[in-house]
């Protein structure tokens, strides 16, 4: 991102740096429209703080990330629901157009040498709902074979309600803890996305500030060159200057105007980039209310915080001390001293006190990895808990009925119902049960064993990742510190060069005006001044970007954005 913004600033050479015109004039700050509010009418006043707040509330990528938080909360509810009573209601209707038959040995009903006599007419009468009196007969020498008999009626139905309550499940208890940790992980992932958005918006805003200041400076340069060109042209008409002097200045002015036009067009692109990083519609006009002076960091305080010497004096953060020297080795062991020196260099040469106070937990990546490790530990415990028994309380209650025809099935006759002949004709009967269900896993083909192995390996992998992350954070800390120090040195150098170039240009113009200097000297001085201006603003932008990278590396960027 830094490279993209720097290309935006410098791609067109000395002239590319800035948003222009009245659209970027400073006005009193007001809060931008937030989610669900209408966009501002006309130009939207926009400070860096407002830009960051708007992006956090409206950036589409962040909104998508926050949906992950909602998913995590729903997941927590899903896990908790397993411990609540589970109630279900069921109803079934069946048309047994062909009843299943079973073989029945009627000859064994009476035992011994006698049996119950059942004739086809008796069977037909029983199927018709009539009462049949059976008599015992003596069995013949050849016993009666089993006979096929269909039980039930053609139309049948049942309805029931059942409830179960989980009493104990080790995996469920661990799942409750894991669900909460999972929700925390989703929040930290959202915070990580917010940090990235703050970084992108800050760099884009600084790019636009520097570009605006550079464009205003280009306008002043054109105005000053127009004055010199007018004076030189008048001197040429009076016969005290050569036409070549006028032509040199005209060429210089033409080049400067082209630079100004390129800067104005590319400045619009920098504003478009800022809107994109904010999630702001491109058609919405904005006014940047922050000035570059308010964005410039206190270099002295920053150097003191970093514990580095001043570029100008090399004499410590205040410029009052002596030039730092390498302390004499305190040990005779040259190898140990070399290792200490290497470690100091690899840590970015941070003073021991600063290195000792660095807190890895300030980095959201470290906190996220800790949460992932906690989840991995809970997943391992959950796999092991699969060997524990499960105990459930169950209960059910319902009704079942049957009839020879569909209309009779829905008559819903209870136990007090009687037929015309006085016999009971109940067709629906109730049932109910209460019980305990104990489920004990015995052998699952080593499935749980391999699941535990995978969970343990995942946990070990995350543990190895902590060391890699610490090294990465140390490298980013050292890199951002070195980059910021170098950027501060370059800024001090370019500021000094700019002051010198401005003084040389001023003296050259005075000498040319008084007739003791050449026109070529003025053109050369103006060219050097514009180059120094471009280098200064590029260095200033590098410092601002390096400060953002430093704050992100130390984990302070998010907290500063919330202030």
Protein backbone atom coordinates (compact mmCIF):
# COMPACT_ATOMS: atom_id res chain seq x y z
CA UNK A 1 0.00 0.00 0.00
CA UNK A 2 2.83 2.39 0.83
CA UNK A 3 4.41 1.78 -2.56
CA UNK A 4 1.10 2.40 -4.34
CA UNK A 5 0.60 5.70 -2.55
CA UNK A 6 4.18 6.77 -3.19
CA UNK A 7 3.74 6.00 -6.89
CA UNK A 8 0.65 8.15 -6.79
CA UNK A 9 2.74 10.97 -5.34
CA UNK A 10 5.84 10.71 -7.50
CA UNK A 11 4.87 8.99 -10.76
CA UNK A 12 4.63 12.27 -12.64
CA UNK A 13 7.95 13.57 -11.37
CA UNK A 14 8.38 16.77 -9.35
CA UNK A 15 4.84 17.96 -9.95
CA UNK A 16 2.74 15.03 -8.68
CA UNK A 17 1.58 15.56 -5.15
CA UNK A 18 -1.84 16.89 -4.28
CA UNK A 19 -5.55 17.52 -4.25
CA UNK A 20 -6.44 20.94 -5.35
CA UNK A 21 -8.88 23.73 -5.40
CA UNK A 22 -11.75 24.85 -3.28
CA UNK A 23 -12.95 21.27 -2.78
CA UNK A 24 -10.09 20.78 -0.32
CA UNK A 25 -10.33 24.08 1.52
CA UNK A 26 -10.30 23.93 5.30
CA UNK A 27 -13.67 24.26 7.01
CA UNK A 28 -14.95 23.60 10.53
CA UNK A 29 -15.05 19.89 11.22
CA UNK A 30 -18.34 18.03 11.46
CA UNK A 31 -19.00 14.32 11.80
CA UNK A 32 -19.55 12.44 8.53
CA UNK A 33 -22.64 10.43 7.80
CA UNK A 34 -22.58 6.99 9.34
CA UNK A 35 -24.33 3.74 8.54
CA UNK A 36 -28.00 4.22 7.80
CA UNK A 37 -27.71 8.01 7.54
CA UNK A 38 -28.00 9.98 4.31
CA UNK A 39 -24.84 11.26 2.71
CA UNK A 40 -23.83 14.85 3.34
CA UNK A 41 -25.17 17.40 0.92
CA UNK A 42 -22.37 19.07 -1.04
CA UNK A 43 -18.85 18.74 0.31
CA UNK A 44 -18.32 16.49 3.32
CA UNK A 45 -15.89 18.00 5.87
CA UNK A 46 -13.43 15.24 6.69
CA UNK A 47 -10.67 15.06 9.27
CA UNK A 48 -8.40 12.05 9.66
CA UNK A 49 -10.32 10.94 12.75
CA UNK A 50 -13.62 11.27 10.91
CA UNK A 51 -12.26 9.39 7.91
CA UNK A 52 -11.16 6.53 10.14
CA UNK A 53 -14.50 6.42 11.99
CA UNK A 54 -16.45 6.47 8.74
CA UNK A 55 -14.33 3.66 7.30
CA UNK A 56 -14.75 1.50 10.42
CA UNK A 57 -18.52 1.93 10.21
CA UNK A 58 -19.04 1.72 6.45
CA UNK A 59 -16.19 -0.17 4.74
CA UNK A 60 -17.82 -3.10 2.95
CA UNK A 61 -15.02 -5.52 3.82
CA UNK A 62 -15.46 -4.68 7.50
CA UNK A 63 -19.20 -5.11 7.29
CA UNK A 64 -18.62 -8.57 5.84
CA UNK A 65 -16.19 -9.37 8.65
CA UNK A 66 -18.74 -8.32 11.26
CA UNK A 67 -21.15 -10.83 9.74
CA UNK A 68 -18.64 -13.41 10.93
CA UNK A 69 -19.21 -12.13 14.48
CA UNK A 70 -22.93 -12.65 14.06
CA UNK A 71 -22.25 -16.15 12.76
CA UNK A 72 -20.13 -16.85 15.84
CA UNK A 73 -22.89 -15.65 18.16
CA UNK A 74 -25.36 -17.88 16.32
CA UNK A 75 -22.93 -20.76 16.70
CA UNK A 76 -22.83 -20.16 20.47
CA UNK A 77 -26.63 -20.32 20.57
CA UNK A 78 -26.59 -23.53 18.56
CA UNK A 79 -24.21 -25.20 21.01
CA UNK A 80 -26.21 -24.05 24.03
CA UNK A 81 -29.45 -25.31 22.51
CA UNK A 82 -28.23 -28.91 22.79
CA UNK A 83 -28.54 -28.65 26.58
CA UNK A 84 -32.14 -27.42 26.50
CA UNK A 85 -35.18 -29.76 26.40
CA UNK A 86 -35.74 -31.27 22.97
CA UNK A 87 -39.46 -31.56 22.13
CA UNK A 88 -40.88 -33.14 19.00
CA UNK A 89 -44.39 -33.94 17.75
CA UNK A 90 -45.11 -36.61 15.13
CA UNK A 91 -48.21 -37.87 13.32
CA UNK A 92 -48.57 -40.75 10.85
CA UNK A 93 -51.36 -42.13 8.65
CA UNK A 94 -51.15 -45.43 6.79
CA UNK A 95 -53.39 -47.21 4.27
CA UNK A 96 -52.54 -50.90 4.65
CA UNK A 97 -54.04 -51.89 1.30
CA UNK A 98 -52.44 -55.32 1.79
CA UNK A 99 -52.19 -56.42 5.38
CA UNK A 100 -49.17 -58.42 6.41
CA UNK A 101 -49.98 -61.97 7.51
CA UNK A 102 -48.34 -64.13 10.18
CA UNK A 103 -48.48 -67.87 10.73
CA UNK A 104 -50.33 -68.90 13.91
CA UNK A 105 -50.30 -72.45 15.36
CA UNK A 106 -53.87 -72.79 16.64
CA UNK A 107 -53.32 -76.41 17.54
CA UNK A 108 -51.08 -75.45 20.47
CA UNK A 109 -53.64 -73.17 22.11
CA UNK A 110 -55.37 -75.97 24.14
CA UNK A 111 -52.30 -78.18 24.78
CA UNK A 112 -52.37 -82.02 25.04
CA UNK A 113 -54.71 -83.84 22.66
CA UNK A 114 -57.35 -81.13 22.45
CA UNK A 115 -57.43 -77.81 20.64
CA UNK A 116 -59.70 -74.90 19.94
CA UNK A 117 -61.93 -75.29 16.90
CA UNK A 118 -61.94 -72.31 14.51
CA UNK A 119 -64.03 -72.58 11.39
CA UNK A 120 -63.92 -70.21 8.39
CA UNK A 121 -67.32 -68.85 9.38
CA UNK A 122 -66.04 -68.12 12.88
CA UNK A 123 -63.01 -66.35 11.40
CA UNK A 124 -65.19 -64.25 9.08
CA UNK A 125 -67.46 -63.32 11.97
CA UNK A 126 -64.46 -62.28 14.11
CA UNK A 127 -63.08 -60.12 11.29
CA UNK A 128 -66.51 -58.51 10.99
CA UNK A 129 -66.42 -57.39 14.60
CA UNK A 130 -68.83 -60.06 15.94
CA UNK A 131 -68.33 -62.08 19.13
CA UNK A 132 -67.46 -65.73 18.44
CA UNK A 133 -67.58 -68.53 21.03
CA UNK A 134 -64.97 -71.15 20.33
CA UNK A 135 -65.26 -74.72 21.51
CA UNK A 136 -62.60 -77.29 22.17
CA UNK A 137 -62.41 -80.44 20.08
CA UNK A 138 -60.25 -83.51 20.13
CA UNK A 139 -57.37 -83.27 17.71
CA UNK A 140 -57.26 -85.72 14.91
CA UNK A 141 -54.40 -88.06 14.46
CA UNK A 142 -52.93 -85.59 11.94
CA UNK A 143 -52.33 -82.18 13.69
CA UNK A 144 -53.60 -78.96 12.05
CA UNK A 145 -50.73 -77.02 10.40
CA UNK A 146 -50.10 -73.33 11.29
CA UNK A 147 -52.55 -70.98 9.60
CA UNK A 148 -51.87 -67.53 8.10
CA UNK A 149 -53.65 -64.71 9.87
CA UNK A 150 -53.58 -60.95 9.23
CA UNK A 151 -53.48 -58.70 12.31
CA UNK A 152 -54.64 -55.11 12.30
CA UNK A 153 -57.00 -53.12 10.10
CA UNK A 154 -56.50 -51.51 6.76
CA UNK A 155 -56.38 -47.87 7.94
CA UNK A 156 -54.13 -46.96 10.88
CA UNK A 157 -52.79 -43.76 12.42
CA UNK A 158 -50.84 -42.51 15.39
CA UNK A 159 -49.73 -39.21 16.91
CA UNK A 160 -47.22 -38.64 19.70
CA UNK A 161 -45.16 -36.02 21.50
CA UNK A 162 -41.73 -36.79 22.92
CA UNK A 163 -39.29 -34.81 25.06
CA UNK A 164 -35.69 -35.45 26.04
CA UNK A 165 -33.38 -33.59 28.42
CA UNK A 166 -29.62 -33.96 28.40
CA UNK A 167 -28.44 -34.73 31.92
CA UNK A 168 -24.74 -35.31 31.33
CA UNK A 169 -22.44 -35.09 28.33
CA UNK A 170 -18.75 -34.21 28.76
CA UNK A 171 -18.46 -33.07 25.15
CA UNK A 172 -21.37 -30.66 25.63
CA UNK A 173 -19.76 -28.99 28.64
CA UNK A 174 -16.52 -28.49 26.73
CA UNK A 175 -18.45 -27.26 23.71
CA UNK A 176 -19.99 -24.47 25.79
CA UNK A 177 -16.51 -23.21 26.69
CA UNK A 178 -15.30 -23.55 23.11
CA UNK A 179 -18.27 -21.62 21.76
CA UNK A 180 -17.42 -18.61 23.91
CA UNK A 181 -13.78 -18.73 22.84
CA UNK A 182 -14.90 -19.00 19.22
CA UNK A 183 -16.94 -15.83 19.64
CA UNK A 184 -13.88 -14.04 21.07
CA UNK A 185 -11.84 -15.21 18.08
CA UNK A 186 -14.38 -13.71 15.68
CA UNK A 187 -14.18 -10.38 17.54
CA UNK A 188 -10.39 -10.37 17.33
CA UNK A 189 -10.52 -11.11 13.61
CA UNK A 190 -12.81 -8.11 13.22
CA UNK A 191 -10.36 -5.99 15.19
CA UNK A 192 -7.55 -7.15 12.91
CA UNK A 193 -9.57 -6.06 9.89
CA UNK A 194 -10.25 -2.70 11.54
CA UNK A 195 -6.52 -2.18 12.12
CA UNK A 196 -5.85 -2.82 8.44
CA UNK A 197 -8.54 -0.31 7.47
CA UNK A 198 -7.11 2.31 9.85
CA UNK A 199 -3.69 1.82 8.29
CA UNK A 200 -5.00 2.13 4.73
CA UNK A 201 -7.15 5.19 5.45
CA UNK A 202 -4.37 6.94 7.36
CA UNK A 203 -1.86 6.48 4.55
CA UNK A 204 -4.37 7.59 1.91
CA UNK A 205 -5.30 10.67 3.98
CA UNK A 206 -1.65 11.62 4.49
CA UNK A 207 -1.05 11.16 0.77
CA UNK A 208 -3.85 13.59 -0.01
CA UNK A 209 -2.62 16.13 2.56
CA UNK A 210 0.90 16.10 1.12
CA UNK A 211 -0.50 16.31 -2.40
CA UNK A 212 -2.66 19.30 -1.49
CA UNK A 213 0.26 21.15 0.07
CA UNK A 214 2.47 20.36 -2.91
CA UNK A 215 -0.14 21.63 -5.35
CA UNK A 216 -0.48 24.88 -3.48
CA UNK A 217 3.29 25.27 -3.60
CA UNK A 218 3.27 24.65 -7.35
CA UNK A 219 0.71 27.42 -7.74
CA UNK A 220 2.97 29.82 -5.82
CA UNK A 221 5.93 28.78 -7.97
CA UNK A 222 3.98 29.53 -11.15
CA UNK A 223 2.96 32.91 -9.77
CA UNK A 224 6.54 33.78 -8.83
CA UNK A 225 7.85 32.65 -12.22
CA UNK A 226 5.18 34.74 -13.96
CA UNK A 227 6.46 37.78 -12.09
CA UNK A 228 10.06 37.09 -13.13
CA UNK A 229 8.99 36.46 -16.71
CA UNK A 230 7.04 39.72 -16.82
CA UNK A 231 9.96 41.69 -15.42
CA UNK A 232 12.41 40.04 -17.82
CA UNK A 233 10.12 40.71 -20.78
CA UNK A 234 9.85 44.38 -19.82
CA UNK A 235 13.64 44.57 -19.47
CA UNK A 236 13.99 42.97 -22.92
CA UNK A 237 11.64 45.55 -24.44
CA UNK A 238 13.75 48.26 -22.85
CA UNK A 239 16.84 46.79 -24.49
CA UNK A 240 18.58 45.69 -21.29
CA UNK A 241 18.01 41.93 -21.65
CA UNK A 242 18.36 39.37 -24.39
CA UNK A 243 15.50 37.55 -26.04
CA UNK A 244 17.17 34.29 -25.02
CA UNK A 245 16.58 35.20 -21.37
CA UNK A 246 12.85 35.58 -22.02
CA UNK A 247 12.68 32.31 -23.92
CA UNK A 248 14.44 30.39 -21.15
CA UNK A 249 11.94 31.63 -18.63
CA UNK A 250 9.05 30.87 -20.99
CA UNK A 251 10.25 27.28 -21.38
CA UNK A 252 10.59 27.03 -17.62
CA UNK A 253 7.05 28.32 -17.11
CA UNK A 254 5.58 25.94 -19.72
CA UNK A 255 7.17 22.96 -17.96
CA UNK A 256 5.94 24.15 -14.59
CA UNK A 257 2.36 24.60 -15.85
CA UNK A 258 2.39 21.07 -17.26
CA UNK A 259 3.57 19.77 -13.89
CA UNK A 260 0.78 21.67 -12.20
CA UNK A 261 -1.85 20.23 -14.53
CA UNK A 262 -0.54 16.70 -14.05
CA UNK A 263 -0.52 17.18 -10.29
CA UNK A 264 -4.11 18.46 -10.30
CA UNK A 265 -5.38 15.47 -12.29
CA UNK A 266 -3.47 12.90 -10.29
CA UNK A 267 -4.58 14.62 -7.11
CA UNK A 268 -8.14 13.71 -7.98
CA UNK A 269 -6.95 10.13 -8.16
CA UNK A 270 -5.49 10.38 -4.65
CA UNK A 271 -8.84 11.65 -3.36
CA UNK A 272 -10.57 8.76 -5.15
CA UNK A 273 -8.18 6.35 -3.43
CA UNK A 274 -9.05 7.88 -0.05
CA UNK A 275 -12.78 7.46 -0.75
CA UNK A 276 -12.22 3.85 -1.76
CA UNK A 277 -10.31 3.08 1.43
CA UNK A 278 -13.12 4.70 3.44
CA UNK A 279 -15.94 2.94 1.62
CA UNK A 280 -17.28 6.36 0.59
CA UNK A 281 -19.15 6.72 -2.72
CA UNK A 282 -16.97 8.29 -5.38
CA UNK A 283 -19.63 10.86 -6.26
CA UNK A 284 -19.51 12.31 -2.72
CA UNK A 285 -17.33 15.44 -2.63
CA UNK A 286 -15.09 15.87 0.41
CA UNK A 287 -13.20 18.66 2.17
CA UNK A 288 -10.08 17.71 4.09
CA UNK A 289 -10.16 19.74 7.29
CA UNK A 290 -6.80 18.63 8.71
CA UNK A 291 -3.69 20.58 7.73
CA UNK A 292 -0.32 19.11 6.97
CA UNK A 293 1.18 21.03 9.89
CA UNK A 294 -1.16 19.24 12.33
CA UNK A 295 -0.26 15.90 10.79
CA UNK A 296 3.51 16.43 11.00
CA UNK A 297 4.97 14.51 13.91
CA UNK A 298 7.20 16.03 16.55
CA UNK A 299 10.52 14.75 15.27
CA UNK A 300 12.36 15.56 18.50
CA UNK A 301 9.84 13.77 20.70
CA UNK A 302 9.75 10.87 18.28
CA UNK A 303 13.52 10.54 18.31
CA UNK A 304 13.50 10.64 22.09
CA UNK A 305 10.88 7.91 22.12
CA UNK A 306 12.97 5.81 19.74
CA UNK A 307 16.16 6.56 21.67
CA UNK A 308 18.17 7.76 18.66
CA UNK A 309 20.48 10.69 18.08
CA UNK A 310 19.57 13.88 16.31
CA UNK A 311 20.50 13.97 12.63
CA UNK A 312 21.75 17.55 12.84
CA UNK A 313 24.06 17.12 15.84
CA UNK A 314 24.57 13.41 16.29
CA UNK A 315 24.61 14.23 19.98
CA UNK A 316 21.66 12.37 21.41
CA UNK A 317 17.98 13.03 21.32
CA UNK A 318 18.36 16.54 22.69
CA UNK A 319 21.46 17.40 20.74
CA UNK A 320 23.33 18.24 23.94
CA UNK A 321 25.20 15.04 24.65
CA UNK A 322 28.35 13.68 23.14
CA UNK A 323 28.54 11.51 20.07
CA UNK A 324 27.65 7.94 21.08
CA UNK A 325 30.59 5.55 21.20
CA UNK A 326 30.77 1.79 21.36
CA UNK A 327 31.24 0.61 24.97
CA UNK A 328 34.24 -1.53 25.76
CA UNK A 329 33.54 -5.26 26.05
CA UNK A 330 32.93 -6.34 29.63
CA UNK A 331 33.87 -9.95 29.02
CA UNK A 332 36.94 -11.72 27.79
CA UNK A 333 34.87 -14.16 25.79
CA UNK A 334 35.00 -12.80 22.24
CA UNK A 335 32.45 -15.33 20.92
CA UNK A 336 29.93 -14.39 23.60
CA UNK A 337 30.43 -10.70 22.83
CA UNK A 338 29.95 -11.33 19.11
CA UNK A 339 26.71 -13.19 19.76
CA UNK A 340 25.52 -10.32 21.94
CA UNK A 341 26.37 -7.83 19.20
CA UNK A 342 24.52 -9.92 16.62
CA UNK A 343 21.48 -10.17 18.85
CA UNK A 344 21.52 -6.41 19.35
CA UNK A 345 21.71 -5.85 15.60
CA UNK A 346 18.94 -8.36 14.86
CA UNK A 347 16.66 -6.70 17.41
CA UNK A 348 16.98 -3.39 15.59
CA UNK A 349 19.56 -2.11 18.11
CA UNK A 350 16.78 -1.39 20.59
CA UNK A 351 18.01 -0.30 23.99
CA UNK A 352 17.63 -3.02 26.59
CA UNK A 353 15.04 -1.05 28.54
CA UNK A 354 12.83 -0.55 25.51
CA UNK A 355 13.19 -4.17 24.45
CA UNK A 356 12.24 -5.36 27.90
CA UNK A 357 9.04 -3.33 27.93
CA UNK A 358 7.82 -4.55 24.54
CA UNK A 359 4.59 -6.45 25.02
CA UNK A 360 3.70 -9.00 22.37
CA UNK A 361 0.10 -8.97 23.54
CA UNK A 362 -0.22 -5.46 22.11
CA UNK A 363 -0.26 -7.11 18.70
CA UNK A 364 -3.68 -8.45 17.77
CA UNK A 365 -2.02 -11.27 15.82
CA UNK A 366 -0.46 -12.60 19.02
CA UNK A 367 -3.74 -12.37 20.91
CA UNK A 368 -5.53 -14.09 18.03
CA UNK A 369 -3.02 -16.93 18.04
CA UNK A 370 -3.52 -17.36 21.79
CA UNK A 371 -7.26 -17.65 21.21
CA UNK A 372 -6.68 -20.20 18.46
CA UNK A 373 -4.46 -22.18 20.81
CA UNK A 374 -7.20 -22.15 23.45
CA UNK A 375 -9.65 -23.44 20.86
CA UNK A 376 -7.24 -26.19 19.87
CA UNK A 377 -6.93 -27.23 23.51
CA UNK A 378 -10.69 -27.34 23.92
CA UNK A 379 -11.02 -29.33 20.69
CA UNK A 380 -8.54 -31.88 22.05
CA UNK A 381 -10.51 -32.13 25.30
CA UNK A 382 -13.72 -32.49 23.31
CA UNK A 383 -12.30 -35.39 21.32
CA UNK A 384 -11.27 -37.12 24.53
CA UNK A 385 -14.67 -36.47 26.10
CA UNK A 386 -16.21 -38.57 23.34
CA UNK A 387 -15.33 -41.61 25.47
CA UNK A 388 -17.58 -40.42 28.31
CA UNK A 389 -21.13 -41.81 28.61
CA UNK A 390 -24.19 -39.70 27.83
CA UNK A 391 -27.25 -39.69 30.06
CA UNK A 392 -30.65 -38.43 28.88
CA UNK A 393 -34.08 -38.23 30.44
CA UNK A 394 -36.81 -39.24 27.95
CA UNK A 395 -40.60 -39.10 27.94
CA UNK A 396 -43.30 -39.71 25.33
CA UNK A 397 -47.07 -39.69 25.14
CA UNK A 398 -49.37 -40.35 22.19
CA UNK A 399 -52.36 -42.09 20.63
CA UNK A 400 -52.74 -44.84 18.05
CA UNK A 401 -55.84 -45.90 16.16
CA UNK A 402 -57.10 -48.15 13.36
CA UNK A 403 -60.28 -48.82 11.36
CA UNK A 404 -61.50 -50.68 8.30
CA UNK A 405 -62.22 -47.47 6.37
CA UNK A 406 -60.79 -43.99 6.35
CA UNK A 407 -63.92 -42.26 7.60
CA UNK A 408 -64.18 -44.57 10.58
CA UNK A 409 -60.52 -43.90 11.46
CA UNK A 410 -61.22 -40.21 12.05
CA UNK A 411 -64.21 -40.92 14.27
CA UNK A 412 -61.83 -40.71 17.28
CA UNK A 413 -63.86 -42.97 19.57
CA UNK A 414 -62.66 -43.15 23.15
CA UNK A 415 -62.98 -45.82 25.87
CA UNK A 416 -66.58 -44.85 26.71
CA UNK A 417 -67.83 -45.36 23.17
CA UNK A 418 -70.31 -48.22 22.56
CA UNK A 419 -71.69 -49.84 19.43
CA UNK A 420 -75.41 -50.31 18.76
CA UNK A 421 -75.29 -53.79 20.28
CA UNK A 422 -73.67 -52.41 23.46
CA UNK A 423 -70.14 -53.71 22.81
CA UNK A 424 -67.18 -51.27 23.21
CA UNK A 425 -66.00 -49.93 19.84
CA UNK A 426 -63.01 -47.76 20.86
CA UNK A 427 -60.66 -47.16 17.91
CA UNK A 428 -57.97 -44.82 19.44
CA UNK A 429 -55.80 -45.85 22.39
CA UNK A 430 -53.33 -43.77 24.39
CA UNK A 431 -49.82 -44.71 25.44
CA UNK A 432 -47.00 -43.04 27.40
CA UNK A 433 -43.56 -43.71 28.83
CA UNK A 434 -40.84 -42.09 30.95
CA UNK A 435 -37.28 -43.37 31.06
CA UNK A 436 -33.54 -42.81 31.17
CA UNK A 437 -31.24 -43.36 28.23
CA UNK A 438 -27.61 -44.20 28.99
CA UNK A 439 -25.26 -44.32 26.01
CA UNK A 440 -21.81 -45.77 26.65
CA UNK A 441 -19.34 -45.79 23.73
CA UNK A 442 -17.40 -49.05 23.74
CA UNK A 443 -15.55 -49.37 20.44
CA UNK A 444 -15.67 -47.10 17.40
CA UNK A 445 -12.95 -48.69 15.29
CA UNK A 446 -10.24 -46.35 16.69
CA UNK A 447 -12.02 -43.36 15.14
CA UNK A 448 -11.75 -41.28 18.31
CA UNK A 449 -8.10 -42.25 18.75
CA UNK A 450 -7.15 -40.73 15.41
CA UNK A 451 -9.29 -37.67 16.05
CA UNK A 452 -7.36 -37.09 19.29
CA UNK A 453 -4.09 -37.45 17.41
CA UNK A 454 -5.15 -34.84 14.86
CA UNK A 455 -6.25 -32.43 17.59
CA UNK A 456 -2.98 -32.89 19.47
CA UNK A 457 -0.94 -32.25 16.31
CA UNK A 458 -2.98 -29.11 15.61
CA UNK A 459 -2.26 -27.86 19.12
CA UNK A 460 1.46 -28.53 18.72
CA UNK A 461 1.46 -26.73 15.37
CA UNK A 462 -0.02 -23.63 16.99
CA UNK A 463 2.56 -23.80 19.76
CA UNK A 464 5.32 -23.77 17.15
CA UNK A 465 3.61 -20.81 15.53
CA UNK A 466 4.15 -18.67 18.64
CA UNK A 467 7.90 -18.66 18.17
CA UNK A 468 7.55 -17.86 14.48
CA UNK A 469 5.14 -15.03 15.29
CA UNK A 470 7.46 -13.62 17.96
CA UNK A 471 10.32 -13.58 15.48
CA UNK A 472 8.11 -11.96 12.87
CA UNK A 473 6.96 -9.29 15.33
CA UNK A 474 10.55 -8.64 16.39
CA UNK A 475 11.55 -8.24 12.75
CA UNK A 476 8.63 -5.89 12.03
CA UNK A 477 9.47 -3.89 15.14
CA UNK A 478 13.12 -3.56 14.14
CA UNK A 479 12.26 -2.86 10.51
CA UNK A 480 9.64 -0.22 11.30
CA UNK A 481 11.98 1.43 13.81
CA UNK A 482 14.86 1.54 11.34
CA UNK A 483 12.61 2.77 8.53
CA UNK A 484 11.22 5.55 10.72
CA UNK A 485 14.67 6.64 11.89
CA UNK A 486 15.93 6.71 8.31
CA UNK A 487 12.86 8.63 7.19
CA UNK A 488 13.42 11.20 9.95
CA UNK A 489 17.06 11.60 8.89
CA UNK A 490 16.05 12.03 5.24
CA UNK A 491 13.37 14.54 6.25
CA UNK A 492 15.87 16.59 8.24
CA UNK A 493 18.28 16.49 5.31
CA UNK A 494 15.66 17.45 2.74
CA UNK A 495 14.36 20.24 4.98
CA UNK A 496 17.88 21.67 5.20
CA UNK A 497 18.27 21.31 1.42
CA UNK A 498 14.94 23.04 0.86
CA UNK A 499 15.97 25.99 3.02
CA UNK A 500 19.28 26.26 1.17
CA UNK A 501 17.63 25.96 -2.26
CA UNK A 502 15.05 28.60 -1.32
CA UNK A 503 17.79 30.96 -0.18
CA UNK A 504 19.82 30.36 -3.37
CA UNK A 505 16.75 31.03 -5.52
CA UNK A 506 15.94 34.19 -3.57
CA UNK A 507 19.48 35.55 -3.95
CA UNK A 508 19.56 34.61 -7.64
CA UNK A 509 16.35 36.52 -8.28
CA UNK A 510 17.67 39.58 -6.46
CA UNK A 511 20.96 39.49 -8.37
CA UNK A 512 19.13 39.13 -11.69
CA UNK A 513 16.77 41.96 -10.78
CA UNK A 514 19.71 44.21 -9.87
CA UNK A 515 21.50 43.33 -13.09
CA UNK A 516 24.44 41.53 -11.50
CA UNK A 517 23.22 37.98 -12.14
CA UNK A 518 22.40 35.94 -15.22
CA UNK A 519 19.07 34.61 -16.33
CA UNK A 520 20.53 31.11 -16.56
CA UNK A 521 21.44 31.30 -12.87
CA UNK A 522 17.81 32.10 -12.00
CA UNK A 523 16.48 29.21 -14.11
CA UNK A 524 18.93 26.78 -12.53
CA UNK A 525 18.11 27.98 -9.03
CA UNK A 526 14.35 27.68 -9.65
CA UNK A 527 14.79 24.14 -11.00
CA UNK A 528 16.84 23.15 -7.95
CA UNK A 529 14.22 24.71 -5.66
CA UNK A 530 11.37 22.71 -7.20
CA UNK A 531 13.42 19.53 -6.96
CA UNK A 532 14.15 20.27 -3.31
CA UNK A 533 10.46 20.93 -2.69
CA UNK A 534 9.47 17.64 -4.27
CA UNK A 535 12.10 15.74 -2.29
CA UNK A 536 11.00 17.42 0.94
CA UNK A 537 7.34 16.54 0.57
CA UNK A 538 8.19 13.01 -0.52
CA UNK A 539 10.36 12.66 2.60
CA UNK A 540 7.56 14.11 4.71
CA UNK A 541 5.12 11.56 3.34
CA UNK A 542 7.63 8.78 4.01
CA UNK A 543 7.86 9.89 7.66
CA UNK A 544 4.08 9.89 8.05
CA UNK A 545 3.77 6.44 6.49
CA UNK A 546 6.69 5.12 8.53
CA UNK A 547 5.00 6.44 11.67
CA UNK A 548 1.82 4.54 10.77
CA UNK A 549 3.84 1.38 10.14
CA UNK A 550 5.65 1.87 13.44
CA UNK A 551 2.41 2.30 15.37
CA UNK A 552 1.04 -0.84 13.74
CA UNK A 553 4.19 -2.81 14.54
CA UNK A 554 4.00 -1.80 18.22
CA UNK A 555 0.24 -2.44 18.39
CA UNK A 556 -0.65 1.20 19.11
CA UNK A 557 -2.37 2.10 15.84
CA UNK A 558 -5.79 0.73 16.80
CA UNK A 559 -5.83 2.42 20.20
CA UNK A 560 -4.81 5.75 18.69
CA UNK A 561 -7.60 5.49 16.13
CA UNK A 562 -10.14 4.91 18.92
CA UNK A 563 -9.05 8.01 20.83
